[in-house]
Amino acid sequence: MIGRLKGLVEETGDDWALIDVGGVCYSVFCSGRTLAALPARGQATVLEIETHVREDHFHLYGFASPAERDWFKLLTSVQGVGAKVGLAILSVLGPEQLLQAIAAGDKAAVARANGVGPKLAGRVVSELKDKVGGMTLGAAAQATAAAGSGEAVAAAVTGPADEAISALVNLGYGRSEAFGAVGRILQESDGKADLDTLIRLGLRELAP
């Protein structure tokens, strides 16, 4: 099985890239984010690879980071999410954003992906919410959405925190944005911030 490709960018398309590895060109399906991060033609690149072998095809899926590859594997474990839909979700939400969206229960964020309706977005969020805590996405992602798994989720979205998130959403902010802001404030205050403080500091953090 192929786990990683190191080579030169030969060509790219809407959802694929051709990578020249020692004179052999591999066709790799990629998310829009990974394609956008690729260097110019003829430049060196490294892609993390997930290999799918079926009776009727042998497909390579390439990712800019191990975190994106891990999310692809997790997404495609959800019923109704195939490889194409998994890449579509990763095209609109990077690993950190996806972690935060699922932790926040933000179905609307997931539904922005092509081919993902409200029902499927809800299934993705509900089925993956209990699984995201076991993923190793790096310190930045864990810090941004530290309230994104297990008991921390329950603690972060109940009581004043839940009310603060709802208030920020009612003021026009996305649920994922509000969840992230409130989660960071709770971290900085050791979970002691009251409702008024959460809303006030949340507005300050979310202000452009």
N, C-alpha and C. Protein backbone atom coordinates (compact mmCIF):
# COMPACT_ATOMS: atom_id res chain seq x y z
N MET A 1 0.84 -1.20 0.00
CA MET A 1 0.00 0.00 0.00
C MET A 1 0.88 1.26 0.00
N ILE A 2 0.45 2.27 -0.70
CA ILE A 2 1.19 3.53 -0.77
C ILE A 2 0.73 4.43 0.38
N GLY A 3 1.66 4.91 1.19
CA GLY A 3 1.33 5.76 2.32
C GLY A 3 1.75 7.21 2.16
N ARG A 4 2.70 7.47 1.27
CA ARG A 4 3.18 8.84 1.07
C ARG A 4 3.86 8.93 -0.29
N LEU A 5 3.68 10.06 -0.96
CA LEU A 5 4.35 10.30 -2.23
C LEU A 5 5.23 11.53 -2.11
N LYS A 6 6.48 11.40 -2.56
CA LYS A 6 7.40 12.53 -2.65
C LYS A 6 7.81 12.65 -4.11
N GLY A 7 7.47 13.76 -4.72
CA GLY A 7 7.80 13.92 -6.13
C GLY A 7 7.56 15.33 -6.61
N LEU A 8 7.43 15.48 -7.91
CA LEU A 8 7.23 16.78 -8.54
C LEU A 8 5.81 16.91 -9.05
N VAL A 9 5.25 18.09 -8.90
CA VAL A 9 3.91 18.34 -9.42
C VAL A 9 3.98 18.39 -10.95
N GLU A 10 3.29 17.48 -11.60
CA GLU A 10 3.29 17.41 -13.05
C GLU A 10 2.11 18.16 -13.65
N GLU A 11 0.94 17.99 -13.02
CA GLU A 11 -0.28 18.61 -13.54
C GLU A 11 -1.35 18.55 -12.45
N THR A 12 -2.33 19.47 -12.52
CA THR A 12 -3.45 19.44 -11.57
C THR A 12 -4.76 19.67 -12.31
N GLY A 13 -5.85 19.18 -11.72
CA GLY A 13 -7.19 19.38 -12.26
C GLY A 13 -8.13 19.84 -11.17
N ASP A 14 -9.44 19.72 -11.40
CA ASP A 14 -10.42 20.19 -10.43
C ASP A 14 -10.33 19.44 -9.10
N ASP A 15 -10.09 18.15 -9.16
CA ASP A 15 -10.04 17.37 -7.92
C ASP A 15 -8.90 16.35 -7.92
N TRP A 16 -7.88 16.59 -8.70
CA TRP A 16 -6.79 15.63 -8.80
C TRP A 16 -5.46 16.33 -9.08
N ALA A 17 -4.41 15.59 -8.80
CA ALA A 17 -3.06 16.06 -9.12
C ALA A 17 -2.27 14.88 -9.68
N LEU A 18 -1.36 15.20 -10.57
CA LEU A 18 -0.47 14.19 -11.14
C LEU A 18 0.92 14.44 -10.56
N ILE A 19 1.44 13.45 -9.83
CA ILE A 19 2.72 13.61 -9.14
C ILE A 19 3.76 12.69 -9.78
N ASP A 20 4.85 13.27 -10.23
CA ASP A 20 5.93 12.53 -10.88
C ASP A 20 6.92 12.07 -9.82
N VAL A 21 6.96 10.76 -9.61
CA VAL A 21 7.90 10.18 -8.64
C VAL A 21 8.91 9.34 -9.41
N GLY A 22 10.07 9.91 -9.65
CA GLY A 22 11.13 9.20 -10.35
C GLY A 22 10.74 8.75 -11.75
N GLY A 23 9.95 9.58 -12.42
CA GLY A 23 9.55 9.25 -13.78
C GLY A 23 8.23 8.51 -13.90
N VAL A 24 7.68 8.07 -12.77
CA VAL A 24 6.36 7.42 -12.76
C VAL A 24 5.36 8.43 -12.22
N CYS A 25 4.30 8.71 -13.00
CA CYS A 25 3.31 9.71 -12.60
C CYS A 25 2.11 9.04 -11.94
N TYR A 26 1.80 9.48 -10.72
CA TYR A 26 0.67 8.94 -9.97
C TYR A 26 -0.48 9.95 -10.00
N SER A 27 -1.66 9.47 -10.32
CA SER A 27 -2.86 10.30 -10.30
C SER A 27 -3.47 10.21 -8.90
N VAL A 28 -3.62 11.37 -8.26
CA VAL A 28 -4.06 11.41 -6.86
C VAL A 28 -5.26 12.33 -6.72
N PHE A 29 -6.34 11.85 -6.13
CA PHE A 29 -7.50 12.70 -5.84
C PHE A 29 -7.22 13.51 -4.59
N CYS A 30 -7.58 14.81 -4.62
CA CYS A 30 -7.27 15.69 -3.50
C CYS A 30 -8.44 16.62 -3.19
N SER A 31 -8.46 17.13 -1.97
CA SER A 31 -9.43 18.17 -1.61
C SER A 31 -9.00 19.49 -2.25
N GLY A 32 -9.92 20.42 -2.32
CA GLY A 32 -9.59 21.73 -2.86
C GLY A 32 -8.51 22.43 -2.06
N ARG A 33 -8.50 22.23 -0.75
CA ARG A 33 -7.48 22.86 0.10
C ARG A 33 -6.09 22.31 -0.19
N THR A 34 -6.01 21.00 -0.36
CA THR A 34 -4.71 20.40 -0.66
C THR A 34 -4.21 20.86 -2.02
N LEU A 35 -5.10 20.89 -3.01
CA LEU A 35 -4.71 21.35 -4.34
C LEU A 35 -4.21 22.79 -4.30
N ALA A 36 -4.89 23.63 -3.53
CA ALA A 36 -4.49 25.03 -3.44
C ALA A 36 -3.13 25.20 -2.78
N ALA A 37 -2.78 24.24 -1.91
CA ALA A 37 -1.50 24.33 -1.20
C ALA A 37 -0.33 23.75 -1.99
N LEU A 38 -0.62 23.09 -3.11
CA LEU A 38 0.47 22.50 -3.90
C LEU A 38 1.33 23.58 -4.53
N PRO A 39 2.62 23.34 -4.67
CA PRO A 39 3.49 24.30 -5.34
C PRO A 39 3.25 24.30 -6.85
N ALA A 40 3.97 25.14 -7.54
CA ALA A 40 3.80 25.26 -8.99
C ALA A 40 4.29 23.99 -9.70
N ARG A 41 3.89 23.85 -10.92
CA ARG A 41 4.28 22.69 -11.73
C ARG A 41 5.81 22.58 -11.78
N GLY A 42 6.28 21.36 -11.61
CA GLY A 42 7.72 21.11 -11.62
C GLY A 42 8.39 21.24 -10.27
N GLN A 43 7.63 21.71 -9.26
CA GLN A 43 8.19 21.88 -7.92
C GLN A 43 7.95 20.63 -7.08
N ALA A 44 8.80 20.43 -6.09
CA ALA A 44 8.71 19.25 -5.23
C ALA A 44 7.56 19.38 -4.23
N THR A 45 6.94 18.25 -3.93
CA THR A 45 5.87 18.24 -2.95
C THR A 45 5.84 16.89 -2.24
N VAL A 46 5.13 16.84 -1.12
CA VAL A 46 4.91 15.60 -0.38
C VAL A 46 3.43 15.50 -0.06
N LEU A 47 2.84 14.36 -0.37
CA LEU A 47 1.43 14.13 -0.07
C LEU A 47 1.28 12.87 0.78
N GLU A 48 0.49 13.00 1.85
CA GLU A 48 0.11 11.82 2.62
C GLU A 48 -0.97 11.10 1.82
N ILE A 49 -0.88 9.77 1.74
CA ILE A 49 -1.75 9.01 0.84
C ILE A 49 -2.63 8.01 1.60
N GLU A 50 -3.89 7.98 1.20
CA GLU A 50 -4.80 6.93 1.62
C GLU A 50 -5.13 6.13 0.36
N THR A 51 -4.86 4.84 0.38
CA THR A 51 -5.04 3.98 -0.79
C THR A 51 -6.34 3.19 -0.67
N HIS A 52 -7.18 3.26 -1.68
CA HIS A 52 -8.41 2.47 -1.72
C HIS A 52 -8.31 1.46 -2.85
N VAL A 53 -8.38 0.20 -2.49
CA VAL A 53 -8.32 -0.87 -3.49
C VAL A 53 -9.66 -1.58 -3.53
N ARG A 54 -10.27 -1.58 -4.69
CA ARG A 54 -11.53 -2.28 -4.89
C ARG A 54 -11.37 -3.22 -6.08
N GLU A 55 -12.38 -4.05 -6.31
CA GLU A 55 -12.31 -4.96 -7.45
C GLU A 55 -12.23 -4.21 -8.77
N ASP A 56 -12.88 -3.03 -8.81
CA ASP A 56 -12.96 -2.31 -10.07
C ASP A 56 -12.10 -1.05 -10.13
N HIS A 57 -11.34 -0.75 -9.07
CA HIS A 57 -10.47 0.42 -9.15
C HIS A 57 -9.37 0.38 -8.09
N PHE A 58 -8.35 1.21 -8.33
CA PHE A 58 -7.24 1.40 -7.40
C PHE A 58 -7.03 2.91 -7.33
N HIS A 59 -7.52 3.53 -6.26
CA HIS A 59 -7.50 4.98 -6.16
C HIS A 59 -6.56 5.45 -5.06
N LEU A 60 -5.85 6.54 -5.34
CA LEU A 60 -5.01 7.20 -4.35
C LEU A 60 -5.64 8.53 -3.98
N TYR A 61 -5.73 8.80 -2.69
CA TYR A 61 -6.24 10.08 -2.19
C TYR A 61 -5.12 10.77 -1.44
N GLY A 62 -4.82 12.01 -1.83
CA GLY A 62 -3.67 12.71 -1.29
C GLY A 62 -4.06 13.87 -0.38
N PHE A 63 -3.25 14.09 0.65
CA PHE A 63 -3.56 15.10 1.65
C PHE A 63 -2.31 15.88 2.04
N ALA A 64 -2.52 17.14 2.35
CA ALA A 64 -1.39 18.01 2.69
C ALA A 64 -0.79 17.69 4.05
N SER A 65 -1.54 17.00 4.90
CA SER A 65 -1.05 16.71 6.25
C SER A 65 -1.65 15.39 6.75
N PRO A 66 -0.99 14.77 7.73
CA PRO A 66 -1.57 13.57 8.34
C PRO A 66 -2.93 13.83 8.96
N ALA A 67 -3.12 15.05 9.50
CA ALA A 67 -4.40 15.38 10.13
C ALA A 67 -5.53 15.33 9.11
N GLU A 68 -5.29 15.89 7.92
CA GLU A 68 -6.32 15.87 6.89
C GLU A 68 -6.61 14.43 6.45
N ARG A 69 -5.59 13.60 6.33
CA ARG A 69 -5.78 12.20 5.97
C ARG A 69 -6.60 11.48 7.03
N ASP A 70 -6.30 11.74 8.31
CA ASP A 70 -7.04 11.09 9.39
C ASP A 70 -8.51 11.50 9.38
N TRP A 71 -8.76 12.77 9.08
CA TRP A 71 -10.15 13.22 9.00
C TRP A 71 -10.87 12.57 7.84
N PHE A 72 -10.19 12.38 6.73
CA PHE A 72 -10.80 11.71 5.58
C PHE A 72 -11.23 10.30 5.96
N LYS A 73 -10.36 9.59 6.65
CA LYS A 73 -10.68 8.22 7.07
C LYS A 73 -11.86 8.22 8.03
N LEU A 74 -11.89 9.21 8.93
CA LEU A 74 -12.98 9.28 9.90
C LEU A 74 -14.30 9.66 9.21
N LEU A 75 -14.25 10.62 8.32
CA LEU A 75 -15.45 11.05 7.61
C LEU A 75 -16.06 9.91 6.79
N THR A 76 -15.21 9.17 6.11
CA THR A 76 -15.71 8.10 5.24
C THR A 76 -16.16 6.88 6.03
N SER A 77 -16.02 6.92 7.35
CA SER A 77 -16.57 5.86 8.18
C SER A 77 -18.05 6.09 8.47
N VAL A 78 -18.53 7.30 8.15
CA VAL A 78 -19.94 7.64 8.36
C VAL A 78 -20.76 7.15 7.17
N GLN A 79 -21.87 6.50 7.45
CA GLN A 79 -22.73 6.00 6.38
C GLN A 79 -23.19 7.15 5.49
N GLY A 80 -23.02 6.97 4.20
CA GLY A 80 -23.44 8.00 3.24
C GLY A 80 -22.33 8.94 2.83
N VAL A 81 -21.17 8.84 3.50
CA VAL A 81 -20.03 9.69 3.15
C VAL A 81 -19.00 8.84 2.42
N GLY A 82 -18.97 8.98 1.10
CA GLY A 82 -17.95 8.30 0.30
C GLY A 82 -16.73 9.18 0.15
N ALA A 83 -15.79 8.71 -0.65
CA ALA A 83 -14.54 9.45 -0.82
C ALA A 83 -14.79 10.84 -1.41
N LYS A 84 -15.68 10.95 -2.38
CA LYS A 84 -15.93 12.24 -3.02
C LYS A 84 -16.51 13.24 -2.03
N VAL A 85 -17.47 12.79 -1.23
CA VAL A 85 -18.08 13.68 -0.24
C VAL A 85 -17.07 14.03 0.86
N GLY A 86 -16.26 13.05 1.26
CA GLY A 86 -15.24 13.33 2.26
C GLY A 86 -14.28 14.42 1.80
N LEU A 87 -13.86 14.36 0.54
CA LEU A 87 -12.98 15.40 0.00
C LEU A 87 -13.71 16.74 -0.10
N ALA A 88 -15.01 16.69 -0.41
CA ALA A 88 -15.79 17.93 -0.51
C ALA A 88 -15.85 18.63 0.85
N ILE A 89 -16.05 17.85 1.91
CA ILE A 89 -16.10 18.44 3.25
C ILE A 89 -14.75 19.04 3.61
N LEU A 90 -13.68 18.32 3.30
CA LEU A 90 -12.34 18.83 3.60
C LEU A 90 -11.94 20.00 2.71
N SER A 91 -12.67 20.20 1.64
CA SER A 91 -12.40 21.36 0.78
C SER A 91 -12.91 22.65 1.41
N VAL A 92 -13.95 22.55 2.24
CA VAL A 92 -14.51 23.76 2.86
C VAL A 92 -14.12 23.92 4.33
N LEU A 93 -13.69 22.82 4.96
CA LEU A 93 -13.30 22.88 6.37
C LEU A 93 -11.97 22.17 6.56
N GLY A 94 -10.97 22.90 7.01
CA GLY A 94 -9.69 22.28 7.33
C GLY A 94 -9.82 21.45 8.60
N PRO A 95 -8.80 20.67 8.96
CA PRO A 95 -8.87 19.83 10.15
C PRO A 95 -9.28 20.55 11.42
N GLU A 96 -8.67 21.71 11.71
CA GLU A 96 -9.01 22.45 12.92
C GLU A 96 -10.46 22.94 12.87
N GLN A 97 -10.88 23.45 11.71
CA GLN A 97 -12.25 23.95 11.56
C GLN A 97 -13.27 22.83 11.68
N LEU A 98 -12.93 21.67 11.12
CA LEU A 98 -13.84 20.53 11.18
C LEU A 98 -13.98 20.02 12.61
N LEU A 99 -12.86 19.95 13.32
CA LEU A 99 -12.89 19.55 14.72
C LEU A 99 -13.79 20.48 15.51
N GLN A 100 -13.65 21.77 15.29
CA GLN A 100 -14.44 22.73 16.04
C GLN A 100 -15.90 22.66 15.64
N ALA A 101 -16.19 22.48 14.35
CA ALA A 101 -17.58 22.39 13.90
C ALA A 101 -18.28 21.20 14.51
N ILE A 102 -17.62 20.06 14.55
CA ILE A 102 -18.22 18.85 15.12
C ILE A 102 -18.38 19.00 16.63
N ALA A 103 -17.37 19.55 17.28
CA ALA A 103 -17.47 19.76 18.73
C ALA A 103 -18.62 20.71 19.06
N ALA A 104 -18.84 21.70 18.20
CA ALA A 104 -19.89 22.69 18.43
C ALA A 104 -21.27 22.20 17.97
N GLY A 105 -21.32 21.07 17.28
CA GLY A 105 -22.59 20.61 16.73
C GLY A 105 -23.06 21.49 15.59
N ASP A 106 -22.12 22.07 14.86
CA ASP A 106 -22.43 23.03 13.80
C ASP A 106 -22.72 22.30 12.48
N LYS A 107 -23.96 21.83 12.33
CA LYS A 107 -24.34 21.11 11.11
C LYS A 107 -24.29 22.01 9.88
N ALA A 108 -24.60 23.28 10.06
CA ALA A 108 -24.62 24.20 8.93
C ALA A 108 -23.24 24.34 8.30
N ALA A 109 -22.20 24.31 9.11
CA ALA A 109 -20.84 24.44 8.58
C ALA A 109 -20.50 23.23 7.70
N VAL A 110 -20.86 22.04 8.17
CA VAL A 110 -20.59 20.82 7.40
C VAL A 110 -21.43 20.80 6.12
N ALA A 111 -22.65 21.31 6.20
CA ALA A 111 -23.55 21.29 5.05
C ALA A 111 -23.14 22.25 3.94
N ARG A 112 -22.10 23.07 4.17
CA ARG A 112 -21.61 23.95 3.11
C ARG A 112 -20.90 23.18 2.01
N ALA A 113 -20.50 21.95 2.30
CA ALA A 113 -19.77 21.16 1.31
C ALA A 113 -20.72 20.68 0.21
N ASN A 114 -20.22 20.62 -1.02
CA ASN A 114 -21.01 20.12 -2.14
C ASN A 114 -21.43 18.68 -1.88
N GLY A 115 -22.70 18.40 -2.12
CA GLY A 115 -23.21 17.05 -1.96
C GLY A 115 -23.60 16.68 -0.55
N VAL A 116 -23.54 17.63 0.37
CA VAL A 116 -23.88 17.35 1.78
C VAL A 116 -25.14 18.14 2.14
N GLY A 117 -26.24 17.43 2.35
CA GLY A 117 -27.48 18.06 2.77
C GLY A 117 -27.57 18.11 4.28
N PRO A 118 -28.62 18.76 4.80
CA PRO A 118 -28.78 18.89 6.26
C PRO A 118 -28.82 17.55 6.99
N LYS A 119 -29.49 16.55 6.41
CA LYS A 119 -29.60 15.25 7.06
C LYS A 119 -28.24 14.58 7.19
N LEU A 120 -27.46 14.59 6.11
CA LEU A 120 -26.14 13.96 6.14
C LEU A 120 -25.20 14.75 7.05
N ALA A 121 -25.30 16.08 7.02
CA ALA A 121 -24.46 16.90 7.91
C ALA A 121 -24.75 16.58 9.37
N GLY A 122 -26.03 16.41 9.69
CA GLY A 122 -26.40 16.05 11.05
C GLY A 122 -25.84 14.69 11.46
N ARG A 123 -25.84 13.75 10.52
CA ARG A 123 -25.30 12.42 10.81
C ARG A 123 -23.80 12.49 11.05
N VAL A 124 -23.09 13.28 10.23
CA VAL A 124 -21.65 13.43 10.41
C VAL A 124 -21.34 13.98 11.80
N VAL A 125 -22.05 15.03 12.18
CA VAL A 125 -21.79 15.66 13.48
C VAL A 125 -22.12 14.71 14.62
N SER A 126 -23.27 14.06 14.56
CA SER A 126 -23.69 13.20 15.67
C SER A 126 -22.80 11.96 15.81
N GLU A 127 -22.41 11.35 14.68
CA GLU A 127 -21.62 10.13 14.74
C GLU A 127 -20.15 10.38 15.11
N LEU A 128 -19.64 11.56 14.76
CA LEU A 128 -18.22 11.81 14.99
C LEU A 128 -17.92 12.56 16.29
N LYS A 129 -18.95 13.10 16.91
CA LYS A 129 -18.71 13.93 18.09
C LYS A 129 -18.00 13.17 19.20
N ASP A 130 -18.33 11.88 19.37
CA ASP A 130 -17.69 11.10 20.43
C ASP A 130 -16.34 10.53 20.02
N LYS A 131 -15.99 10.68 18.73
CA LYS A 131 -14.75 10.08 18.24
C LYS A 131 -13.59 11.07 18.12
N VAL A 132 -13.91 12.35 18.04
CA VAL A 132 -12.86 13.32 17.73
C VAL A 132 -11.81 13.44 18.82
N GLY A 133 -12.15 13.08 20.05
CA GLY A 133 -11.19 13.20 21.13
C GLY A 133 -9.98 12.30 20.96
N GLY A 134 -10.13 11.21 20.21
CA GLY A 134 -9.03 10.28 20.05
C GLY A 134 -8.10 10.62 18.91
N MET A 135 -8.41 11.70 18.18
CA MET A 135 -7.58 12.05 17.04
C MET A 135 -6.39 12.91 17.46
N THR A 136 -5.26 12.69 16.85
CA THR A 136 -4.07 13.51 17.09
C THR A 136 -3.96 14.51 15.97
N LEU A 137 -4.41 15.76 16.26
CA LEU A 137 -4.43 16.79 15.22
C LEU A 137 -3.40 17.88 15.47
N GLY A 138 -2.59 17.72 16.50
CA GLY A 138 -1.57 18.73 16.75
C GLY A 138 -2.02 19.71 17.82
N ALA A 139 -1.04 20.39 18.40
CA ALA A 139 -1.30 21.27 19.53
C ALA A 139 -2.20 22.44 19.15
N ALA A 140 -2.03 22.98 17.95
CA ALA A 140 -2.83 24.14 17.57
C ALA A 140 -4.31 23.80 17.52
N ALA A 141 -4.64 22.67 16.90
CA ALA A 141 -6.04 22.28 16.80
C ALA A 141 -6.61 21.98 18.17
N GLN A 142 -5.85 21.28 19.00
CA GLN A 142 -6.36 20.92 20.31
C GLN A 142 -6.57 22.17 21.16
N ALA A 143 -5.69 23.16 21.01
CA ALA A 143 -5.84 24.39 21.79
C ALA A 143 -7.04 25.19 21.31
N THR A 144 -7.24 25.23 20.00
CA THR A 144 -8.35 26.00 19.45
C THR A 144 -9.68 25.41 19.84
N ALA A 145 -9.77 24.07 19.87
CA ALA A 145 -11.02 23.42 20.21
C ALA A 145 -10.81 22.44 21.36
N ALA A 146 -10.18 22.92 22.41
CA ALA A 146 -9.85 22.04 23.53
C ALA A 146 -11.11 21.49 24.18
N ALA A 147 -12.22 22.21 23.99
CA ALA A 147 -13.48 21.73 24.54
C ALA A 147 -14.19 20.83 23.56
N GLY A 148 -13.45 20.20 22.66
CA GLY A 148 -14.06 19.49 21.57
C GLY A 148 -14.21 18.00 21.72
N SER A 149 -14.14 17.43 22.90
CA SER A 149 -14.29 16.00 23.01
C SER A 149 -14.72 15.58 24.40
N GLY A 150 -15.37 14.45 24.46
CA GLY A 150 -15.70 13.80 25.71
C GLY A 150 -16.33 14.71 26.74
N GLU A 151 -15.83 14.63 27.98
CA GLU A 151 -16.41 15.39 29.08
C GLU A 151 -16.26 16.89 28.86
N ALA A 152 -15.17 17.29 28.17
CA ALA A 152 -14.96 18.73 27.96
C ALA A 152 -16.06 19.34 27.13
N VAL A 153 -16.57 18.59 26.14
CA VAL A 153 -17.68 19.11 25.33
C VAL A 153 -18.89 19.35 26.20
N ALA A 154 -19.23 18.35 27.01
CA ALA A 154 -20.40 18.48 27.86
C ALA A 154 -20.27 19.67 28.80
N ALA A 155 -19.07 19.86 29.35
CA ALA A 155 -18.86 20.97 30.27
C ALA A 155 -18.93 22.31 29.57
N ALA A 156 -18.44 22.33 28.32
CA ALA A 156 -18.34 23.61 27.61
C ALA A 156 -19.67 24.10 27.08
N VAL A 157 -20.62 23.21 26.82
CA VAL A 157 -21.86 23.62 26.16
C VAL A 157 -23.06 23.51 27.08
N THR A 158 -22.85 23.55 28.39
CA THR A 158 -23.96 23.57 29.32
C THR A 158 -23.87 24.84 30.15
N GLY A 159 -24.97 25.18 30.80
CA GLY A 159 -24.99 26.33 31.68
C GLY A 159 -24.69 27.64 30.97
N PRO A 160 -23.93 28.53 31.62
CA PRO A 160 -23.62 29.85 31.05
C PRO A 160 -22.95 29.77 29.67
N ALA A 161 -22.10 28.76 29.47
CA ALA A 161 -21.42 28.66 28.18
C ALA A 161 -22.42 28.43 27.06
N ASP A 162 -23.37 27.55 27.29
CA ASP A 162 -24.39 27.28 26.27
C ASP A 162 -25.20 28.53 25.98
N GLU A 163 -25.56 29.26 27.03
CA GLU A 163 -26.33 30.50 26.86
C GLU A 163 -25.51 31.55 26.11
N ALA A 164 -24.22 31.62 26.42
CA ALA A 164 -23.36 32.59 25.75
C ALA A 164 -23.23 32.26 24.27
N ILE A 165 -23.06 30.98 23.95
CA ILE A 165 -22.97 30.56 22.55
C ILE A 165 -24.25 30.91 21.81
N SER A 166 -25.39 30.61 22.42
CA SER A 166 -26.68 30.92 21.79
C SER A 166 -26.83 32.42 21.57
N ALA A 167 -26.40 33.22 22.55
CA ALA A 167 -26.51 34.68 22.41
C ALA A 167 -25.65 35.18 21.26
N LEU A 168 -24.43 34.65 21.13
CA LEU A 168 -23.55 35.07 20.04
C LEU A 168 -24.09 34.63 18.69
N VAL A 169 -24.68 33.43 18.64
CA VAL A 169 -25.29 32.96 17.39
C VAL A 169 -26.45 33.87 17.01
N ASN A 170 -27.26 34.26 18.00
CA ASN A 170 -28.41 35.15 17.74
C ASN A 170 -27.96 36.52 17.26
N LEU A 171 -26.73 36.88 17.57
CA LEU A 171 -26.19 38.16 17.12
C LEU A 171 -25.56 38.07 15.73
N GLY A 172 -25.65 36.89 15.13
CA GLY A 172 -25.20 36.74 13.75
C GLY A 172 -23.91 35.99 13.54
N TYR A 173 -23.27 35.50 14.60
CA TYR A 173 -22.02 34.75 14.44
C TYR A 173 -22.32 33.27 14.21
N GLY A 174 -21.45 32.58 13.50
CA GLY A 174 -21.62 31.16 13.27
C GLY A 174 -21.44 30.38 14.57
N ARG A 175 -22.10 29.22 14.65
CA ARG A 175 -22.01 28.44 15.88
C ARG A 175 -20.58 27.99 16.16
N SER A 176 -19.86 27.58 15.12
CA SER A 176 -18.48 27.16 15.34
C SER A 176 -17.62 28.30 15.86
N GLU A 177 -17.81 29.49 15.29
CA GLU A 177 -17.04 30.66 15.74
C GLU A 177 -17.35 30.95 17.21
N ALA A 178 -18.66 30.96 17.54
CA ALA A 178 -19.07 31.26 18.91
C ALA A 178 -18.55 30.20 19.87
N PHE A 179 -18.65 28.95 19.48
CA PHE A 179 -18.17 27.85 20.32
C PHE A 179 -16.67 28.00 20.59
N GLY A 180 -15.91 28.29 19.53
CA GLY A 180 -14.47 28.44 19.70
C GLY A 180 -14.11 29.59 20.61
N ALA A 181 -14.80 30.74 20.43
CA ALA A 181 -14.52 31.91 21.26
C ALA A 181 -14.83 31.63 22.72
N VAL A 182 -15.99 31.06 22.98
CA VAL A 182 -16.38 30.76 24.37
C VAL A 182 -15.44 29.72 24.97
N GLY A 183 -15.06 28.72 24.18
CA GLY A 183 -14.14 27.70 24.67
C GLY A 183 -12.80 28.29 25.09
N ARG A 184 -12.29 29.23 24.28
CA ARG A 184 -11.00 29.85 24.61
C ARG A 184 -11.11 30.71 25.87
N ILE A 185 -12.23 31.41 26.01
CA ILE A 185 -12.42 32.25 27.20
C ILE A 185 -12.52 31.38 28.45
N LEU A 186 -13.22 30.25 28.33
CA LEU A 186 -13.32 29.33 29.46
C LEU A 186 -11.94 28.80 29.85
N GLN A 187 -11.12 28.49 28.84
CA GLN A 187 -9.76 28.02 29.13
C GLN A 187 -8.97 29.08 29.90
N GLU A 188 -9.03 30.31 29.40
CA GLU A 188 -8.24 31.39 29.99
C GLU A 188 -8.70 31.73 31.41
N SER A 189 -10.00 31.48 31.68
CA SER A 189 -10.55 31.82 33.01
C SER A 189 -10.67 30.59 33.90
N ASP A 190 -10.10 29.47 33.46
CA ASP A 190 -10.20 28.21 34.22
C ASP A 190 -11.65 27.82 34.47
N GLY A 191 -12.52 28.16 33.51
CA GLY A 191 -13.92 27.77 33.58
C GLY A 191 -14.75 28.60 34.54
N LYS A 192 -14.22 29.74 34.99
CA LYS A 192 -14.91 30.53 36.02
C LYS A 192 -15.66 31.73 35.47
N ALA A 193 -15.59 31.99 34.17
CA ALA A 193 -16.25 33.16 33.60
C ALA A 193 -17.76 33.00 33.66
N ASP A 194 -18.47 34.08 34.07
CA ASP A 194 -19.93 34.01 34.12
C ASP A 194 -20.51 34.38 32.75
N LEU A 195 -21.84 34.35 32.65
CA LEU A 195 -22.51 34.56 31.36
C LEU A 195 -22.17 35.92 30.77
N ASP A 196 -22.27 36.98 31.56
CA ASP A 196 -22.01 38.32 31.05
C ASP A 196 -20.58 38.44 30.54
N THR A 197 -19.65 37.86 31.28
CA THR A 197 -18.24 37.92 30.88
C THR A 197 -18.02 37.15 29.58
N LEU A 198 -18.63 35.98 29.47
CA LEU A 198 -18.48 35.17 28.26
C LEU A 198 -19.00 35.92 27.03
N ILE A 199 -20.15 36.57 27.18
CA ILE A 199 -20.72 37.29 26.04
C ILE A 199 -19.86 38.51 25.70
N ARG A 200 -19.47 39.27 26.73
CA ARG A 200 -18.68 40.48 26.49
C ARG A 200 -17.34 40.16 25.84
N LEU A 201 -16.62 39.19 26.41
CA LEU A 201 -15.32 38.84 25.86
C LEU A 201 -15.47 38.11 24.52
N GLY A 202 -16.56 37.37 24.39
CA GLY A 202 -16.81 36.70 23.11
C GLY A 202 -17.01 37.68 21.99
N LEU A 203 -17.77 38.74 22.25
CA LEU A 203 -17.98 39.79 21.24
C LEU A 203 -16.66 40.49 20.90
N ARG A 204 -15.86 40.71 21.92
CA ARG A 204 -14.56 41.37 21.69
C ARG A 204 -13.66 40.48 20.81
N GLU A 205 -13.67 39.17 21.08
CA GLU A 205 -12.81 38.26 20.33
C GLU A 205 -13.30 38.08 18.90
N LEU A 206 -14.61 38.09 18.70
CA LEU A 206 -15.17 37.86 17.38
C LEU A 206 -15.26 39.12 16.53
N ALA A 207 -15.08 40.27 17.14
CA ALA A 207 -15.17 41.54 16.41
C ALA A 207 -14.07 41.59 15.33
N PRO A 208 -14.42 42.07 14.12
CA PRO A 208 -13.41 42.14 13.05
C PRO A 208 -12.31 43.15 13.36
